[in-house]
Amino acid sequence: MTDRIMALVAFLVLLGFLGVLVIGVPHIDLIVVVLITLLLAGWDFWKHSGKPDSEM
């Protein structure tokens, strides 16, 4: 459970950083790259957060 919370916090920090970047430098190519980055990071978070923790 703690891993999922930390992953969510990390995703939100990434979202905040990239949001400030897009607001500070509003170029269309940068916005496209940021959107692709957020989609990939969001998909990775969604894909791995739903699985139960594996026991090793």
PDB file of N, CA and C in Angstrom:
ATOM      1  N   MET A   1       0.826  -1.204   0.000  1.00  0.00           N
ATOM      2  CA  MET A   1       0.000   0.000   0.000  1.00  0.00           C
ATOM      3  C   MET A   1       0.865   1.260   0.000  1.00  0.00           C
ATOM      4  N   THR A   2       1.935   1.232   0.758  1.00  0.00           N
ATOM      5  CA  THR A   2       2.828   2.385   0.804  1.00  0.00           C
ATOM      6  C   THR A   2       3.474   2.631  -0.554  1.00  0.00           C
ATOM      7  N   ASP A   3       3.774   1.555  -1.281  1.00  0.00           N
ATOM      8  CA  ASP A   3       4.365   1.713  -2.614  1.00  0.00           C
ATOM      9  C   ASP A   3       3.421   2.456  -3.550  1.00  0.00           C
ATOM     10  N   ARG A   4       2.152   2.167  -3.455  1.00  0.00           N
ATOM     11  CA  ARG A   4       1.183   2.835  -4.331  1.00  0.00           C
ATOM     12  C   ARG A   4       1.042   4.315  -3.975  1.00  0.00           C
ATOM     13  N   ILE A   5       1.077   4.612  -2.693  1.00  0.00           N
ATOM     14  CA  ILE A   5       0.987   6.016  -2.268  1.00  0.00           C
ATOM     15  C   ILE A   5       2.220   6.787  -2.735  1.00  0.00           C
ATOM     16  N   MET A   6       3.393   6.188  -2.581  1.00  0.00           N
ATOM     17  CA  MET A   6       4.617   6.842  -3.027  1.00  0.00           C
ATOM     18  C   MET A   6       4.623   7.018  -4.555  1.00  0.00           C
ATOM     19  N   ALA A   7       4.105   6.042  -5.279  1.00  0.00           N
ATOM     20  CA  ALA A   7       4.022   6.164  -6.735  1.00  0.00           C
ATOM     21  C   ALA A   7       3.070   7.292  -7.126  1.00  0.00           C
ATOM     22  N   LEU A   8       1.964   7.403  -6.418  1.00  0.00           N
ATOM     23  CA  LEU A   8       1.019   8.486  -6.702  1.00  0.00           C
ATOM     24  C   LEU A   8       1.636   9.847  -6.403  1.00  0.00           C
ATOM     25  N   VAL A   9       2.344   9.956  -5.297  1.00  0.00           N
ATOM     26  CA  VAL A   9       3.018  11.212  -4.953  1.00  0.00           C
ATOM     27  C   VAL A   9       4.062  11.561  -6.021  1.00  0.00           C
ATOM     28  N   ALA A  10       4.829  10.569  -6.462  1.00  0.00           N
ATOM     29  CA  ALA A  10       5.830  10.804  -7.499  1.00  0.00           C
ATOM     30  C   ALA A  10       5.172  11.255  -8.802  1.00  0.00           C
ATOM     31  N   PHE A  11       4.049  10.639  -9.153  1.00  0.00           N
ATOM     32  CA  PHE A  11       3.344  11.043 -10.367  1.00  0.00           C
ATOM     33  C   PHE A  11       2.832  12.474 -10.247  1.00  0.00           C
ATOM     34  N   LEU A  12       2.319  12.836  -9.090  1.00  0.00           N
ATOM     35  CA  LEU A  12       1.830  14.201  -8.892  1.00  0.00           C
ATOM     36  C   LEU A  12       2.961  15.225  -8.935  1.00  0.00           C
ATOM     37  N   VAL A  13       4.128  14.869  -8.402  1.00  0.00           N
ATOM     38  CA  VAL A  13       5.286  15.761  -8.474  1.00  0.00           C
ATOM     39  C   VAL A  13       5.719  15.935  -9.929  1.00  0.00           C
ATOM     40  N   LEU A  14       5.741  14.837 -10.684  1.00  0.00           N
ATOM     41  CA  LEU A  14       6.070  14.921 -12.107  1.00  0.00           C
ATOM     42  C   LEU A  14       5.057  15.808 -12.834  1.00  0.00           C
ATOM     43  N   LEU A  15       3.787  15.635 -12.526  1.00  0.00           N
ATOM     44  CA  LEU A  15       2.740  16.454 -13.131  1.00  0.00           C
ATOM     45  C   LEU A  15       2.947  17.934 -12.811  1.00  0.00           C
ATOM     46  N   GLY A  16       3.264  18.228 -11.564  1.00  0.00           N
ATOM     47  CA  GLY A  16       3.504  19.616 -11.169  1.00  0.00           C
ATOM     48  C   GLY A  16       4.711  20.221 -11.867  1.00  0.00           C
ATOM     49  N   PHE A  17       5.800  19.463 -11.919  1.00  0.00           N
ATOM     50  CA  PHE A  17       7.005  19.960 -12.580  1.00  0.00           C
ATOM     51  C   PHE A  17       6.759  20.219 -14.057  1.00  0.00           C
ATOM     52  N   LEU A  18       6.146  19.276 -14.728  1.00  0.00           N
ATOM     53  CA  LEU A  18       5.899  19.451 -16.156  1.00  0.00           C
ATOM     54  C   LEU A  18       4.863  20.544 -16.407  1.00  0.00           C
ATOM     55  N   GLY A  19       3.925  20.712 -15.486  1.00  0.00           N
ATOM     56  CA  GLY A  19       2.957  21.801 -15.616  1.00  0.00           C
ATOM     57  C   GLY A  19       3.622  23.164 -15.553  1.00  0.00           C
ATOM     58  N   VAL A  20       4.546  23.325 -14.617  1.00  0.00           N
ATOM     59  CA  VAL A  20       5.293  24.586 -14.508  1.00  0.00           C
ATOM     60  C   VAL A  20       6.137  24.798 -15.763  1.00  0.00           C
ATOM     61  N   LEU A  21       6.724  23.730 -16.276  1.00  0.00           N
ATOM     62  CA  LEU A  21       7.532  23.825 -17.488  1.00  0.00           C
ATOM     63  C   LEU A  21       6.691  24.288 -18.678  1.00  0.00           C
ATOM     64  N   VAL A  22       5.505  23.712 -18.832  1.00  0.00           N
ATOM     65  CA  VAL A  22       4.632  24.076 -19.950  1.00  0.00           C
ATOM     66  C   VAL A  22       4.131  25.514 -19.798  1.00  0.00           C
ATOM     67  N   ILE A  23       3.817  25.925 -18.585  1.00  0.00           N
ATOM     68  CA  ILE A  23       3.355  27.301 -18.364  1.00  0.00           C
ATOM     69  C   ILE A  23       4.480  28.298 -18.632  1.00  0.00           C
ATOM     70  N   GLY A  24       5.704  27.932 -18.242  1.00  0.00           N
ATOM     71  CA  GLY A  24       6.839  28.828 -18.436  1.00  0.00           C
ATOM     72  C   GLY A  24       7.318  28.905 -19.874  1.00  0.00           C
ATOM     73  N   VAL A  25       7.201  27.811 -20.608  1.00  0.00           N
ATOM     74  CA  VAL A  25       7.676  27.759 -21.999  1.00  0.00           C
ATOM     75  C   VAL A  25       6.555  27.178 -22.862  1.00  0.00           C
ATOM     76  N   PRO A  26       5.587  28.009 -23.233  1.00  0.00           N
ATOM     77  CA  PRO A  26       4.412  27.491 -23.952  1.00  0.00           C
ATOM     78  C   PRO A  26       4.629  27.302 -25.460  1.00  0.00           C
ATOM     79  N   HIS A  27       5.445  26.325 -25.820  1.00  0.00           N
ATOM     80  CA  HIS A  27       5.641  25.980 -27.230  1.00  0.00           C
ATOM     81  C   HIS A  27       4.888  24.685 -27.511  1.00  0.00           C
ATOM     82  N   ILE A  28       4.314  24.606 -28.683  1.00  0.00           N
ATOM     83  CA  ILE A  28       3.453  23.466 -29.014  1.00  0.00           C
ATOM     84  C   ILE A  28       4.221  22.151 -29.014  1.00  0.00           C
ATOM     85  N   ASP A  29       5.460  22.156 -29.488  1.00  0.00           N
ATOM     86  CA  ASP A  29       6.217  20.903 -29.506  1.00  0.00           C
ATOM     87  C   ASP A  29       6.552  20.432 -28.092  1.00  0.00           C
ATOM     88  N   LEU A  30       6.826  21.351 -27.187  1.00  0.00           N
ATOM     89  CA  LEU A  30       7.077  20.994 -25.792  1.00  0.00           C
ATOM     90  C   LEU A  30       5.808  20.458 -25.134  1.00  0.00           C
ATOM     91  N   ILE A  31       4.687  21.053 -25.442  1.00  0.00           N
ATOM     92  CA  ILE A  31       3.409  20.598 -24.889  1.00  0.00           C
ATOM     93  C   ILE A  31       3.106  19.178 -25.353  1.00  0.00           C
ATOM     94  N   VAL A  32       3.379  18.875 -26.615  1.00  0.00           N
ATOM     95  CA  VAL A  32       3.140  17.522 -27.139  1.00  0.00           C
ATOM     96  C   VAL A  32       4.035  16.510 -26.427  1.00  0.00           C
ATOM     97  N   VAL A  33       5.308  16.844 -26.253  1.00  0.00           N
ATOM     98  CA  VAL A  33       6.231  15.937 -25.564  1.00  0.00           C
ATOM     99  C   VAL A  33       5.802  15.725 -24.114  1.00  0.00           C
ATOM    100  N   VAL A  34       5.365  16.785 -23.445  1.00  0.00           N
ATOM    101  CA  VAL A  34       4.909  16.671 -22.055  1.00  0.00           C
ATOM    102  C   VAL A  34       3.661  15.803 -21.978  1.00  0.00           C
ATOM    103  N   LEU A  35       2.739  15.973 -22.896  1.00  0.00           N
ATOM    104  CA  LEU A  35       1.533  15.141 -22.897  1.00  0.00           C
ATOM    105  C   LEU A  35       1.855  13.668 -23.127  1.00  0.00           C
ATOM    106  N   ILE A  36       2.754  13.392 -24.044  1.00  0.00           N
ATOM    107  CA  ILE A  36       3.156  12.003 -24.279  1.00  0.00           C
ATOM    108  C   ILE A  36       3.820  11.431 -23.031  1.00  0.00           C
ATOM    109  N   THR A  37       4.672  12.220 -22.397  1.00  0.00           N
ATOM    110  CA  THR A  37       5.341  11.785 -21.170  1.00  0.00           C
ATOM    111  C   THR A  37       4.333  11.480 -20.077  1.00  0.00           C
ATOM    112  N   LEU A  38       3.352  12.355 -19.890  1.00  0.00           N
ATOM    113  CA  LEU A  38       2.345  12.135 -18.858  1.00  0.00           C
ATOM    114  C   LEU A  38       1.457  10.934 -19.174  1.00  0.00           C
ATOM    115  N   LEU A  39       1.148  10.733 -20.450  1.00  0.00           N
ATOM    116  CA  LEU A  39       0.360   9.559 -20.825  1.00  0.00           C
ATOM    117  C   LEU A  39       1.115   8.259 -20.544  1.00  0.00           C
ATOM    118  N   LEU A  40       2.393   8.238 -20.873  1.00  0.00           N
ATOM    119  CA  LEU A  40       3.189   7.037 -20.606  1.00  0.00           C
ATOM    120  C   LEU A  40       3.356   6.783 -19.111  1.00  0.00           C
ATOM    121  N   ALA A  41       3.625   7.833 -18.354  1.00  0.00           N
ATOM    122  CA  ALA A  41       3.785   7.681 -16.903  1.00  0.00           C
ATOM    123  C   ALA A  41       2.455   7.298 -16.251  1.00  0.00           C
ATOM    124  N   GLY A  42       1.362   7.891 -16.716  1.00  0.00           N
ATOM    125  CA  GLY A  42       0.047   7.544 -16.181  1.00  0.00           C
ATOM    126  C   GLY A  42      -0.348   6.114 -16.506  1.00  0.00           C
ATOM    127  N   TRP A  43      -0.043   5.674 -17.718  1.00  0.00           N
ATOM    128  CA  TRP A  43      -0.340   4.291 -18.098  1.00  0.00           C
ATOM    129  C   TRP A  43       0.472   3.320 -17.253  1.00  0.00           C
ATOM    130  N   ASP A  44       1.734   3.635 -17.025  1.00  0.00           N
ATOM    131  CA  ASP A  44       2.589   2.778 -16.203  1.00  0.00           C
ATOM    132  C   ASP A  44       2.072   2.724 -14.768  1.00  0.00           C
ATOM    133  N   PHE A  45       1.676   3.862 -14.229  1.00  0.00           N
ATOM    134  CA  PHE A  45       1.123   3.895 -12.873  1.00  0.00           C
ATOM    135  C   PHE A  45      -0.157   3.071 -12.795  1.00  0.00           C
ATOM    136  N   TRP A  46      -1.036   3.249 -13.764  1.00  0.00           N
ATOM    137  CA  TRP A  46      -2.315   2.527 -13.775  1.00  0.00           C
ATOM    138  C   TRP A  46      -2.100   1.023 -13.916  1.00  0.00           C
ATOM    139  N   LYS A  47      -1.186   0.646 -14.797  1.00  0.00           N
ATOM    140  CA  LYS A  47      -0.927  -0.761 -15.073  1.00  0.00           C
ATOM    141  C   LYS A  47      -0.347  -1.484 -13.852  1.00  0.00           C
ATOM    142  N   HIS A  48       0.532  -0.835 -13.129  1.00  0.00           N
ATOM    143  CA  HIS A  48       1.221  -1.488 -12.024  1.00  0.00           C
ATOM    144  C   HIS A  48       0.563  -1.261 -10.675  1.00  0.00           C
ATOM    145  N   SER A  49      -0.314  -0.297 -10.552  1.00  0.00           N
ATOM    146  CA  SER A  49      -0.930  -0.038  -9.247  1.00  0.00           C
ATOM    147  C   SER A  49      -2.091  -0.983  -8.957  1.00  0.00           C
ATOM    148  N   GLY A  50      -2.657  -1.608  -9.977  1.00  0.00           N
ATOM    149  CA  GLY A  50      -3.784  -2.493  -9.776  1.00  0.00           C
ATOM    150  C   GLY A  50      -3.409  -3.904  -9.368  1.00  0.00           C
ATOM    151  N   LYS A  51      -2.147  -4.250  -9.556  1.00  0.00           N
ATOM    152  CA  LYS A  51      -1.707  -5.608  -9.246  1.00  0.00           C
ATOM    153  C   LYS A  51      -1.412  -5.741  -7.747  1.00  0.00           C
ATOM    154  N   PRO A  52      -1.728  -6.886  -7.181  1.00  0.00           N
ATOM    155  CA  PRO A  52      -1.348  -7.106  -5.782  1.00  0.00           C
ATOM    156  C   PRO A  52       0.170  -7.214  -5.658  1.00  0.00           C
ATOM    157  N   ASP A  53       0.657  -6.899  -4.476  1.00  0.00           N
ATOM    158  CA  ASP A  53       2.088  -6.982  -4.236  1.00  0.00           C
ATOM    159  C   ASP A  53       2.556  -8.419  -4.364  1.00  0.00           C
ATOM    160  N   SER A  54       3.643  -8.616  -5.086  1.00  0.00           N
ATOM    161  CA  SER A  54       4.172  -9.970  -5.237  1.00  0.00           C
ATOM    162  C   SER A  54       5.075 -10.300  -4.055  1.00  0.00           C
ATOM    163  N   GLU A  55       4.961 -11.517  -3.598  1.00  0.00           N
ATOM    164  CA  GLU A  55       5.758 -11.948  -2.465  1.00  0.00           C
ATOM    165  C   GLU A  55       6.976 -12.675  -2.972  1.00  0.00           C
ATOM    166  N   MET A  56       8.142 -12.245  -2.515  1.00  0.00           N
ATOM    167  CA  MET A  56       9.381 -12.876  -2.949  1.00  0.00           C
ATOM    168  C   MET A  56       9.973 -13.656  -1.807  1.00  0.00           C
TER     169      MET A  56
END
